[in-house]
């Protein structure tokens, strides 16, 4: 099948198991669809988020999960005053422009 471009992690209605999937309809906002209870379909992905293999098997999303499991990434590093509450707690001025830096 094609390349994975919209990877999600979810519990499937068909088997109540956690899977990785590629959205069938990549034009939709699945965050909104999930909150509104709309049906979401995904092609099953074999492998990991780092080496996904999209299959032709289509599953229905029962529950949308965080995109990365704790097994795939067991830490998160955050720097800066990127949240208003964080700045307020430290009695510091908030940032007028946010800067994001991603490093592998």
N, C-alpha and C. Protein backbone atom coordinates (compact mmCIF):
# COMPACT_ATOMS: atom_id res chain seq x y z
N UNK A 1 0.83 -1.18 0.00
CA UNK A 1 0.00 0.00 0.00
C UNK A 1 0.88 1.25 0.00
N UNK A 2 0.27 2.40 0.13
CA UNK A 2 1.03 3.65 0.07
C UNK A 2 1.80 3.98 1.33
N UNK A 3 2.39 5.15 1.30
CA UNK A 3 3.19 5.66 2.41
C UNK A 3 2.28 6.14 3.55
N UNK A 4 2.72 5.95 4.78
CA UNK A 4 1.97 6.43 5.94
C UNK A 4 2.18 7.94 6.09
N UNK A 5 1.10 8.69 6.03
CA UNK A 5 1.18 10.15 6.13
C UNK A 5 0.37 10.70 7.31
N UNK A 6 -0.63 9.97 7.75
CA UNK A 6 -1.51 10.40 8.84
C UNK A 6 -1.67 9.24 9.81
N UNK A 7 -0.65 9.01 10.63
CA UNK A 7 -0.62 7.86 11.54
C UNK A 7 -1.38 8.18 12.82
N UNK A 8 -2.23 7.23 13.22
CA UNK A 8 -2.94 7.34 14.50
C UNK A 8 -2.73 6.06 15.30
N UNK A 9 -2.93 6.18 16.61
CA UNK A 9 -2.91 5.01 17.49
C UNK A 9 -4.31 4.93 18.08
N UNK A 10 -4.89 3.74 18.08
CA UNK A 10 -6.30 3.63 18.44
C UNK A 10 -6.65 2.24 18.94
N UNK A 11 -7.81 2.15 19.59
CA UNK A 11 -8.42 0.87 19.94
C UNK A 11 -9.44 0.59 18.85
N UNK A 12 -9.38 -0.61 18.26
CA UNK A 12 -10.28 -0.97 17.16
C UNK A 12 -11.58 -1.55 17.69
N UNK A 13 -12.69 -1.19 17.06
CA UNK A 13 -13.99 -1.76 17.41
C UNK A 13 -14.03 -3.25 17.13
N UNK A 14 -13.31 -3.67 16.12
CA UNK A 14 -13.37 -5.07 15.68
C UNK A 14 -12.78 -6.05 16.69
N UNK A 15 -11.74 -5.65 17.42
CA UNK A 15 -11.08 -6.62 18.32
C UNK A 15 -10.69 -6.05 19.68
N UNK A 16 -11.04 -4.79 19.96
CA UNK A 16 -10.71 -4.13 21.23
C UNK A 16 -9.21 -4.12 21.53
N UNK A 17 -8.38 -4.14 20.51
CA UNK A 17 -6.93 -4.11 20.69
C UNK A 17 -6.38 -2.77 20.21
N UNK A 18 -5.19 -2.42 20.71
CA UNK A 18 -4.52 -1.19 20.30
C UNK A 18 -3.76 -1.44 19.00
N UNK A 19 -3.94 -0.53 18.04
CA UNK A 19 -3.28 -0.64 16.74
C UNK A 19 -2.74 0.71 16.31
N UNK A 20 -1.84 0.67 15.34
CA UNK A 20 -1.45 1.86 14.59
C UNK A 20 -2.24 1.83 13.30
N UNK A 21 -2.60 3.01 12.80
CA UNK A 21 -3.35 3.05 11.55
C UNK A 21 -3.03 4.29 10.75
N UNK A 22 -3.34 4.20 9.46
CA UNK A 22 -3.25 5.32 8.52
C UNK A 22 -4.69 5.72 8.23
N UNK A 23 -5.03 6.98 8.44
CA UNK A 23 -6.39 7.42 8.18
C UNK A 23 -6.82 7.10 6.76
N UNK A 24 -8.04 6.61 6.62
CA UNK A 24 -8.60 6.37 5.29
C UNK A 24 -8.90 7.71 4.62
N UNK A 25 -9.57 8.60 5.36
CA UNK A 25 -9.90 9.92 4.83
C UNK A 25 -9.00 10.96 5.51
N UNK A 26 -7.94 11.34 4.82
CA UNK A 26 -6.96 12.25 5.41
C UNK A 26 -7.40 13.71 5.38
N UNK A 27 -8.55 14.00 4.79
CA UNK A 27 -9.03 15.38 4.72
C UNK A 27 -9.82 15.77 5.96
N UNK A 28 -10.18 14.80 6.78
CA UNK A 28 -11.01 15.07 7.95
C UNK A 28 -10.16 15.45 9.17
N UNK A 29 -10.77 16.19 10.09
CA UNK A 29 -10.14 16.52 11.37
C UNK A 29 -10.60 15.47 12.37
N UNK A 30 -9.74 14.48 12.65
CA UNK A 30 -10.18 13.37 13.49
C UNK A 30 -10.34 13.77 14.95
N UNK A 31 -9.70 14.85 15.37
CA UNK A 31 -9.94 15.33 16.73
C UNK A 31 -11.39 15.75 16.89
N UNK A 32 -11.88 16.53 15.95
CA UNK A 32 -13.28 16.96 15.95
C UNK A 32 -14.19 15.75 15.76
N UNK A 33 -13.86 14.89 14.79
CA UNK A 33 -14.69 13.71 14.53
C UNK A 33 -14.80 12.83 15.77
N UNK A 34 -13.70 12.66 16.49
CA UNK A 34 -13.69 11.83 17.69
C UNK A 34 -14.59 12.42 18.77
N UNK A 35 -14.48 13.72 19.00
CA UNK A 35 -15.30 14.40 20.01
C UNK A 35 -16.77 14.34 19.64
N UNK A 36 -17.07 14.47 18.35
CA UNK A 36 -18.46 14.47 17.89
C UNK A 36 -19.02 13.06 17.70
N UNK A 37 -18.21 12.04 17.94
CA UNK A 37 -18.68 10.66 17.83
C UNK A 37 -18.86 10.16 16.41
N UNK A 38 -18.20 10.80 15.45
CA UNK A 38 -18.30 10.36 14.06
C UNK A 38 -17.40 9.16 13.83
N UNK A 39 -17.81 8.30 12.90
CA UNK A 39 -17.03 7.10 12.60
C UNK A 39 -15.71 7.47 11.92
N UNK A 40 -14.64 6.85 12.40
CA UNK A 40 -13.30 7.07 11.84
C UNK A 40 -12.77 5.71 11.39
N UNK A 41 -12.27 5.64 10.18
CA UNK A 41 -11.71 4.41 9.63
C UNK A 41 -10.21 4.59 9.40
N UNK A 42 -9.48 3.49 9.59
CA UNK A 42 -8.03 3.54 9.41
C UNK A 42 -7.52 2.24 8.80
N UNK A 43 -6.55 2.37 7.90
CA UNK A 43 -5.85 1.19 7.39
C UNK A 43 -4.90 0.71 8.48
N UNK A 44 -4.89 -0.57 8.75
CA UNK A 44 -4.01 -1.14 9.75
C UNK A 44 -2.55 -0.95 9.34
N UNK A 45 -1.72 -0.58 10.29
CA UNK A 45 -0.28 -0.46 10.06
C UNK A 45 0.43 -1.57 10.80
N UNK A 46 1.28 -2.30 10.10
CA UNK A 46 2.18 -3.25 10.74
C UNK A 46 3.49 -2.52 10.98
N UNK A 47 4.17 -2.86 12.05
CA UNK A 47 5.43 -2.21 12.37
C UNK A 47 5.26 -1.17 13.46
N UNK A 48 6.08 -0.13 13.40
CA UNK A 48 6.09 0.92 14.42
C UNK A 48 5.88 2.28 13.76
N UNK A 49 5.80 3.31 14.60
CA UNK A 49 5.68 4.66 14.04
C UNK A 49 6.93 5.06 13.29
N UNK A 50 8.04 4.40 13.60
CA UNK A 50 9.31 4.70 12.95
C UNK A 50 9.53 3.91 11.66
N UNK A 51 8.83 2.79 11.52
CA UNK A 51 8.93 1.94 10.32
C UNK A 51 7.55 1.37 10.00
N UNK A 52 6.60 2.24 9.59
CA UNK A 52 5.24 1.77 9.35
C UNK A 52 5.07 1.09 8.00
N UNK A 53 4.27 0.02 7.99
CA UNK A 53 3.89 -0.66 6.75
C UNK A 53 2.37 -0.66 6.68
N UNK A 54 1.81 0.18 5.81
CA UNK A 54 0.36 0.31 5.68
C UNK A 54 -0.20 -0.90 4.94
N UNK A 55 -1.23 -1.53 5.52
CA UNK A 55 -1.88 -2.68 4.90
C UNK A 55 -3.20 -2.24 4.27
N UNK A 56 -3.90 -3.17 3.66
CA UNK A 56 -5.22 -2.88 3.07
C UNK A 56 -6.36 -3.18 4.03
N UNK A 57 -6.05 -3.70 5.23
CA UNK A 57 -7.08 -4.01 6.22
C UNK A 57 -7.60 -2.72 6.84
N UNK A 58 -8.92 -2.53 6.82
CA UNK A 58 -9.53 -1.32 7.37
C UNK A 58 -10.22 -1.65 8.69
N UNK A 59 -9.91 -0.85 9.72
CA UNK A 59 -10.52 -1.01 11.04
C UNK A 59 -11.29 0.26 11.38
N UNK A 60 -12.26 0.10 12.28
CA UNK A 60 -13.03 1.22 12.79
C UNK A 60 -12.43 1.65 14.13
N UNK A 61 -12.24 2.94 14.30
CA UNK A 61 -11.66 3.47 15.53
C UNK A 61 -12.73 3.52 16.61
N UNK A 62 -12.50 2.77 17.68
CA UNK A 62 -13.40 2.79 18.84
C UNK A 62 -12.98 3.90 19.80
N UNK A 63 -11.66 4.01 20.01
CA UNK A 63 -11.12 5.04 20.89
C UNK A 63 -9.80 5.53 20.31
N UNK A 64 -9.69 6.83 20.18
CA UNK A 64 -8.46 7.45 19.71
C UNK A 64 -7.51 7.59 20.89
N UNK A 65 -6.25 7.21 20.70
CA UNK A 65 -5.25 7.26 21.76
C UNK A 65 -4.18 8.30 21.45
N UNK A 66 -3.29 8.53 22.40
CA UNK A 66 -2.17 9.43 22.16
C UNK A 66 -1.36 8.90 20.98
N UNK A 67 -0.77 9.78 20.19
CA UNK A 67 -0.09 9.32 18.98
C UNK A 67 1.15 8.46 19.22
N UNK A 68 1.80 8.65 20.36
CA UNK A 68 3.02 7.89 20.65
C UNK A 68 2.83 7.17 21.98
N UNK A 69 3.10 5.87 21.99
CA UNK A 69 2.95 5.09 23.22
C UNK A 69 4.15 5.30 24.14
N UNK A 70 3.97 5.07 25.43
CA UNK A 70 5.11 5.17 26.36
C UNK A 70 6.25 4.22 26.00
N UNK A 71 5.93 3.09 25.37
CA UNK A 71 6.97 2.15 24.96
C UNK A 71 7.84 2.72 23.84
N UNK A 72 7.25 3.54 22.98
CA UNK A 72 8.00 4.13 21.86
C UNK A 72 8.81 5.35 22.29
N UNK A 73 8.34 6.05 23.30
CA UNK A 73 9.04 7.25 23.78
C UNK A 73 8.69 7.43 25.25
N UNK A 74 9.60 7.07 26.12
CA UNK A 74 9.29 7.09 27.55
C UNK A 74 9.69 8.39 28.25
N UNK A 75 9.95 9.44 27.48
CA UNK A 75 10.27 10.72 28.10
C UNK A 75 9.87 11.86 27.16
N UNK A 76 9.60 12.99 27.76
CA UNK A 76 9.30 14.21 27.01
C UNK A 76 10.15 15.31 27.62
N UNK A 77 10.85 16.03 26.78
CA UNK A 77 11.68 17.15 27.25
C UNK A 77 11.02 18.46 26.84
N UNK A 78 10.83 19.33 27.80
CA UNK A 78 10.23 20.63 27.51
C UNK A 78 11.10 21.73 28.09
N UNK A 79 11.27 22.78 27.33
CA UNK A 79 12.06 23.93 27.76
C UNK A 79 11.30 25.20 27.45
N UNK A 80 11.50 26.20 28.26
CA UNK A 80 10.95 27.51 27.94
C UNK A 80 9.63 27.81 28.60
N UNK A 81 9.17 29.01 28.36
CA UNK A 81 7.90 29.47 28.91
C UNK A 81 6.83 29.39 27.84
N UNK A 82 6.57 28.17 27.39
CA UNK A 82 5.64 28.00 26.29
C UNK A 82 4.19 27.89 26.74
N UNK A 83 3.94 27.94 28.02
CA UNK A 83 2.56 27.91 28.50
C UNK A 83 2.35 29.11 29.43
N UNK A 84 1.24 29.79 29.25
CA UNK A 84 0.95 31.00 30.02
C UNK A 84 0.93 30.71 31.52
N UNK A 85 0.35 29.60 31.94
CA UNK A 85 0.30 29.25 33.36
C UNK A 85 1.71 29.08 33.93
N UNK A 86 2.59 28.48 33.14
CA UNK A 86 3.97 28.27 33.57
C UNK A 86 4.65 29.62 33.82
N UNK A 87 4.45 30.55 32.92
CA UNK A 87 5.03 31.88 33.08
C UNK A 87 4.44 32.58 34.30
N UNK A 88 3.14 32.45 34.49
CA UNK A 88 2.48 33.10 35.63
C UNK A 88 2.96 32.54 36.96
N UNK A 89 3.16 31.23 37.05
CA UNK A 89 3.64 30.61 38.28
C UNK A 89 5.00 31.17 38.67
N UNK A 90 5.85 31.38 37.69
CA UNK A 90 7.18 31.92 37.95
C UNK A 90 7.24 33.43 37.97
N UNK A 91 6.07 34.09 37.88
CA UNK A 91 6.00 35.56 37.83
C UNK A 91 6.92 36.12 36.75
N UNK A 92 6.91 35.47 35.60
CA UNK A 92 7.75 35.87 34.48
C UNK A 92 6.89 36.34 33.31
N UNK A 93 7.44 37.19 32.47
CA UNK A 93 6.67 37.63 31.31
C UNK A 93 6.50 36.48 30.32
N UNK A 94 5.35 36.47 29.64
CA UNK A 94 5.12 35.43 28.64
C UNK A 94 5.84 35.79 27.34
N UNK A 95 6.03 34.80 26.49
CA UNK A 95 6.70 34.99 25.21
C UNK A 95 5.74 35.61 24.21
N UNK A 96 6.22 36.55 23.42
CA UNK A 96 5.38 37.11 22.37
C UNK A 96 5.39 36.23 21.13
N UNK A 97 6.46 35.45 20.95
CA UNK A 97 6.55 34.51 19.84
C UNK A 97 7.08 33.19 20.37
N UNK A 98 6.40 32.12 20.02
CA UNK A 98 6.83 30.80 20.47
C UNK A 98 7.79 30.19 19.45
N UNK A 99 8.79 29.52 19.94
CA UNK A 99 9.77 28.87 19.08
C UNK A 99 9.78 27.39 19.41
N UNK A 100 9.63 26.55 18.41
CA UNK A 100 9.68 25.10 18.60
C UNK A 100 10.93 24.55 17.93
N UNK A 101 11.64 23.70 18.64
CA UNK A 101 12.83 23.07 18.10
C UNK A 101 12.68 21.57 18.29
N UNK A 102 12.76 20.82 17.21
CA UNK A 102 12.66 19.36 17.26
C UNK A 102 14.01 18.78 16.87
N UNK A 103 14.46 17.83 17.63
CA UNK A 103 15.75 17.22 17.34
C UNK A 103 15.65 15.72 17.55
N UNK A 104 16.14 14.96 16.60
CA UNK A 104 16.11 13.50 16.72
C UNK A 104 17.41 13.00 17.31
